[in-house]
Every structure is written in structure tokens, then in C-alpha cells.
Amino acid sequence: MTFKVLTISFTYESAPKIRPKFEKGDISEWSVDGSSDAIVNPTNKRMVTDGGGADGAIHRAAGRQLQKACLDFPEVRPGVRCPTGEARITPGFKLPASHVIFTVGPIYHVDQNPEASLRSAYKNCLRLAKENKIQYIAFPAISCGLFGYPLEEAATIAISTVKEFAEDFKEVHFILFTDDIYDIWFRKAKEILQLEA
């Protein structure tokens, strides 16, 4: 299976650069250095995998230790370990990436303020990564699958939020499943970051 990877590189000497790359595999196979990298797992509030999508792929590749680590997080209220818009971090276990950051994106037609919730999901992932000295982070298109978030809006939120953290990371990667999603993310990255690709 081929996923498209959009990489945004940040350097202190020059403006950010977009480096589009095409790689085979999935987000569970992504890594840069295995010590300061993290993948983002779009999870549910219980942080219990159902075996599908990116979440299922990440759990299968990481091994049972990952689910155990998720269950070690205390419930903030019954049945909720990670509320919508928040983030949690674990080791990567058997994954090539050193860490997994879990977040819960909004269900577009259910959430009262989906824009704020999606922005919070990205911000909290980036804050948690920064606190844990992560230099490279890979995101899926949070909430754009079953949760129904419109792609144009989701891309705008994702790219603009990453821009706020430009000085904190060397690279931000977006692991995007379809041509449509990739094309929208690529266009929005050029527009929001005002870059030549």
C-alpha cells in the first residue's frame, strides 16, 4: 500500500521548506532516528484499539505493551482516558519511532466546536512532543476518516497549528492515505506557509 508523505522541514537558518515524498507502508512504519521521533495515533477516548485504521496498524506493530501502556493512564471520568482534543504519550515499544502520541479528534457533526477541538488535538500533540524533546513528528489527517471532518478545513487547522510550533521541531510529517487528502494538504501548506515547494 502506498501512502503519501508531506514533510515540512524547519531550519533556523532559512524559511521552512516543503519536501513531498512518496513512501510505501503506513504510519506504523515511519521513523527518522528512533530516538527523538514520534507518530501520532488517532485514538478513541477509552484508548482501547478496535483493530481498524491507523490505530489498529500502530497497535499491531507496537505489540501488546502499547495497549497495556494505554490502559495504565487513569480515567479522567468513567470510560475516558483521553478526552477529545487532549493528548497522551507512550514509548513506541516495537515500533521504529521512539514514541507514540495519542489524541482524540472531534467527530465533526457531533462536536459542539469541532474547529477548536481539532486545533487542540494538534496543539496538545505538539506541546507534548516538545516537552519530551521530540524533534520529528508524524501526523495522520486527524478526524478526516470516519469522524467526517471536511478536508479543506482540517488541512487549514493542521498546517496553521504546525506553523505556530515552527521553532520547536526539525520536521513535521503528514502521512496521508489518499491522493485527494495529499493534494489538499500540499496546497494548504504552500498557501499558509507562503512557500515555494
Protein backbone atom coordinates (compact mmCIF):
# COMPACT_ATOMS: atom_id res chain seq x y z
CA MET A 1 0.00 0.00 0.00
CA THR A 2 1.38 3.46 -0.84
CA PHE A 3 0.85 6.39 1.45
CA LYS A 4 1.91 9.88 0.50
CA VAL A 5 4.12 11.71 2.96
CA LEU A 6 4.23 15.51 3.11
CA THR A 7 7.29 16.68 5.04
CA ILE A 8 7.65 20.23 6.31
CA SER A 9 11.26 20.91 7.33
CA PHE A 10 12.10 23.73 9.69
CA THR A 11 15.61 25.15 9.85
CA TYR A 12 16.84 28.11 11.83
CA GLU A 13 18.96 29.46 9.00
CA SER A 14 16.23 29.68 6.38
CA ALA A 15 12.50 29.60 5.80
CA PRO A 16 10.60 26.30 6.12
CA LYS A 17 10.65 24.05 3.08
CA ILE A 18 8.07 21.57 1.88
CA ARG A 19 9.53 18.28 0.74
CA PRO A 20 6.93 15.99 -0.80
CA LYS A 21 7.92 12.33 -0.65
CA PHE A 22 6.22 9.11 -1.62
CA GLU A 23 6.80 6.06 0.54
CA LYS A 24 5.35 2.59 0.77
CA GLY A 25 3.91 1.47 4.06
CA ASP A 26 1.87 3.06 6.78
CA ILE A 27 2.32 5.40 9.73
CA SER A 28 3.37 2.48 11.95
CA GLU A 29 6.47 2.03 9.74
CA TRP A 30 7.56 5.70 9.89
CA SER A 31 10.69 6.79 11.73
CA VAL A 32 13.52 9.28 11.35
CA ASP A 33 16.05 8.39 14.03
CA GLY A 34 14.33 6.06 16.52
CA SER A 35 15.22 8.28 19.47
CA SER A 36 13.66 11.72 19.01
CA ASP A 37 10.71 10.87 16.76
CA ALA A 38 7.03 10.24 17.43
CA ILE A 39 3.97 9.15 15.49
CA VAL A 40 0.50 10.42 16.33
CA ASN A 41 -2.20 7.82 16.85
CA PRO A 42 -5.80 8.98 16.35
CA THR A 43 -7.44 7.02 19.15
CA ASN A 44 -10.76 6.89 20.96
CA LYS A 45 -11.48 8.33 24.40
CA ARG A 46 -11.02 4.94 26.08
CA MET A 47 -7.61 4.49 24.37
CA VAL A 48 -8.60 0.92 23.54
CA THR A 49 -7.89 -0.19 19.99
CA ASP A 50 -10.67 -1.65 17.86
CA GLY A 51 -8.09 -3.01 15.41
CA GLY A 52 -9.01 -0.75 12.49
CA GLY A 53 -7.35 2.13 10.68
CA ALA A 54 -4.12 3.80 11.76
CA ASP A 55 -4.83 2.95 15.40
CA GLY A 56 -5.05 -0.77 14.66
CA ALA A 57 -1.91 -0.71 12.49
CA ILE A 58 0.06 1.08 15.19
CA HIS A 59 -1.06 -1.31 17.93
CA ARG A 60 -0.29 -4.39 15.82
CA ALA A 61 3.21 -3.14 15.02
CA ALA A 62 3.99 -1.97 18.57
CA GLY A 63 2.88 -5.17 20.29
CA ARG A 64 0.74 -5.77 23.37
CA GLN A 65 2.83 -3.49 25.55
CA LEU A 66 1.30 -0.47 23.81
CA GLN A 67 -2.26 -1.39 24.79
CA LYS A 68 -1.09 -2.07 28.35
CA ALA A 69 0.56 1.37 28.47
CA CYS A 70 -2.70 2.94 27.26
CA LEU A 71 -4.68 1.17 29.96
CA ASP A 72 -2.22 2.46 32.58
CA PHE A 73 -3.48 6.02 32.02
CA PRO A 74 -6.09 6.82 34.68
CA GLU A 75 -9.65 7.54 33.61
CA VAL A 76 -10.45 11.24 33.95
CA ARG A 77 -14.11 10.23 34.10
CA PRO A 78 -15.75 6.83 33.60
CA GLY A 79 -14.66 5.33 30.29
CA VAL A 80 -12.45 8.30 29.31
CA ARG A 81 -8.65 8.23 29.46
CA CYS A 82 -8.09 10.88 26.79
CA PRO A 83 -10.82 13.48 26.22
CA THR A 84 -11.35 14.99 22.77
CA GLY A 85 -8.58 17.45 21.95
CA GLU A 86 -6.14 16.18 24.56
CA ALA A 87 -3.02 14.04 24.09
CA ARG A 88 -1.09 11.27 25.89
CA ILE A 89 2.38 9.84 25.18
CA THR A 90 3.89 6.36 25.49
CA PRO A 91 7.08 4.68 24.34
CA GLY A 92 6.99 3.19 20.84
CA PHE A 93 7.82 -0.31 22.07
CA LYS A 94 8.37 -2.43 18.92
CA LEU A 95 7.73 0.49 16.54
CA PRO A 96 10.61 2.11 14.66
CA ALA A 97 9.58 5.51 16.13
CA SER A 98 10.61 6.11 19.72
CA HIS A 99 7.23 7.40 20.92
CA VAL A 100 3.50 7.30 20.21
CA ILE A 101 1.37 10.33 20.95
CA PHE A 102 -2.33 9.55 21.26
CA THR A 103 -5.02 12.11 20.57
CA VAL A 104 -8.77 12.10 20.12
CA GLY A 105 -10.06 14.25 17.29
CA PRO A 106 -13.60 15.58 17.13
CA ILE A 107 -16.50 13.85 15.41
CA TYR A 108 -17.38 16.68 13.02
CA HIS A 109 -21.18 16.57 13.17
CA VAL A 110 -21.34 15.78 16.90
CA ASP A 111 -18.74 18.08 18.49
CA GLN A 112 -20.13 21.47 19.52
CA ASN A 113 -16.99 23.28 18.37
CA PRO A 114 -15.09 20.94 16.04
CA GLU A 115 -12.58 23.59 14.92
CA ALA A 116 -11.45 24.31 18.49
CA SER A 117 -11.31 20.60 19.31
CA LEU A 118 -9.24 19.73 16.23
CA ARG A 119 -6.88 22.63 16.84
CA SER A 120 -6.50 21.48 20.45
CA ALA A 121 -5.68 17.94 19.32
CA TYR A 122 -2.83 19.18 17.12
CA LYS A 123 -1.59 21.73 19.69
CA ASN A 124 -1.60 19.26 22.55
CA CYS A 125 0.31 16.69 20.46
CA LEU A 126 2.91 19.31 19.57
CA ARG A 127 3.19 20.57 23.17
CA LEU A 128 3.61 17.03 24.50
CA ALA A 129 6.21 16.29 21.82
CA LYS A 130 8.13 19.44 22.71
CA GLU A 131 8.04 18.58 26.44
CA ASN A 132 9.50 15.16 25.59
CA LYS A 133 12.26 16.57 23.35
CA ILE A 134 10.80 15.13 20.16
CA GLN A 135 12.37 16.67 17.04
CA TYR A 136 10.44 14.78 14.34
CA ILE A 137 6.71 14.09 14.46
CA ALA A 138 4.32 12.39 12.03
CA PHE A 139 0.59 13.07 11.92
CA PRO A 140 -2.23 11.36 10.08
CA ALA A 141 -5.13 13.53 8.91
CA ILE A 142 -6.84 13.60 12.31
CA SER A 143 -10.66 13.24 12.20
CA CYS A 144 -10.77 13.04 8.38
CA GLY A 145 -11.87 9.42 8.13
CA LEU A 146 -14.91 8.08 9.95
CA PHE A 147 -15.19 11.28 12.01
CA GLY A 148 -16.13 13.20 8.84
CA TYR A 149 -14.06 16.35 9.16
CA PRO A 150 -14.07 18.35 5.87
CA LEU A 151 -10.62 18.07 4.31
CA GLU A 152 -10.06 21.73 3.43
CA GLU A 153 -10.88 22.89 6.95
CA ALA A 154 -8.87 20.10 8.56
CA ALA A 155 -5.79 20.89 6.43
CA THR A 156 -6.00 24.59 7.28
CA ILE A 157 -6.15 23.81 11.01
CA ALA A 158 -3.36 21.22 10.83
CA ILE A 159 -0.90 23.36 8.84
CA SER A 160 -1.60 26.63 10.69
CA THR A 161 -1.17 24.92 14.06
CA VAL A 162 2.12 23.33 12.98
CA LYS A 163 3.28 26.78 11.85
CA GLU A 164 2.88 28.07 15.42
CA PHE A 165 5.43 25.48 16.57
CA ALA A 166 7.95 26.01 13.74
CA GLU A 167 10.87 26.76 16.07
CA ASP A 168 10.29 23.65 18.18
CA PHE A 169 10.77 20.88 15.58
CA LYS A 170 13.17 19.93 12.81
CA GLU A 171 10.50 18.22 10.71
CA VAL A 172 6.77 17.65 10.77
CA HIS A 173 5.47 14.86 8.55
CA PHE A 174 1.91 14.21 7.44
CA ILE A 175 1.22 10.60 6.49
CA LEU A 176 -1.72 10.87 4.10
CA PHE A 177 -3.66 7.94 2.74
CA THR A 178 -5.29 9.20 -0.47
CA ASP A 179 -4.32 11.45 -3.36
CA ASP A 180 -7.18 13.82 -2.52
CA ILE A 181 -6.01 14.33 1.06
CA TYR A 182 -2.38 14.71 -0.01
CA ASP A 183 -3.23 17.28 -2.71
CA ILE A 184 -5.26 19.39 -0.27
CA TRP A 185 -2.56 19.25 2.44
CA PHE A 186 0.15 20.12 -0.09
CA ARG A 187 -1.80 23.11 -1.44
CA LYS A 188 -2.66 24.36 2.04
CA ALA A 189 0.96 24.02 3.20
CA LYS A 190 2.16 26.17 0.29
CA GLU A 191 -0.58 28.72 0.91
CA ILE A 192 -0.35 29.01 4.72
CA LEU A 193 3.43 28.81 4.97
CA GLN A 194 3.82 31.01 1.85
CA LEU A 195 6.42 28.68 0.44
CA GLU A 196 7.73 27.61 -2.87
CA ALA A 197 7.58 23.83 -2.94
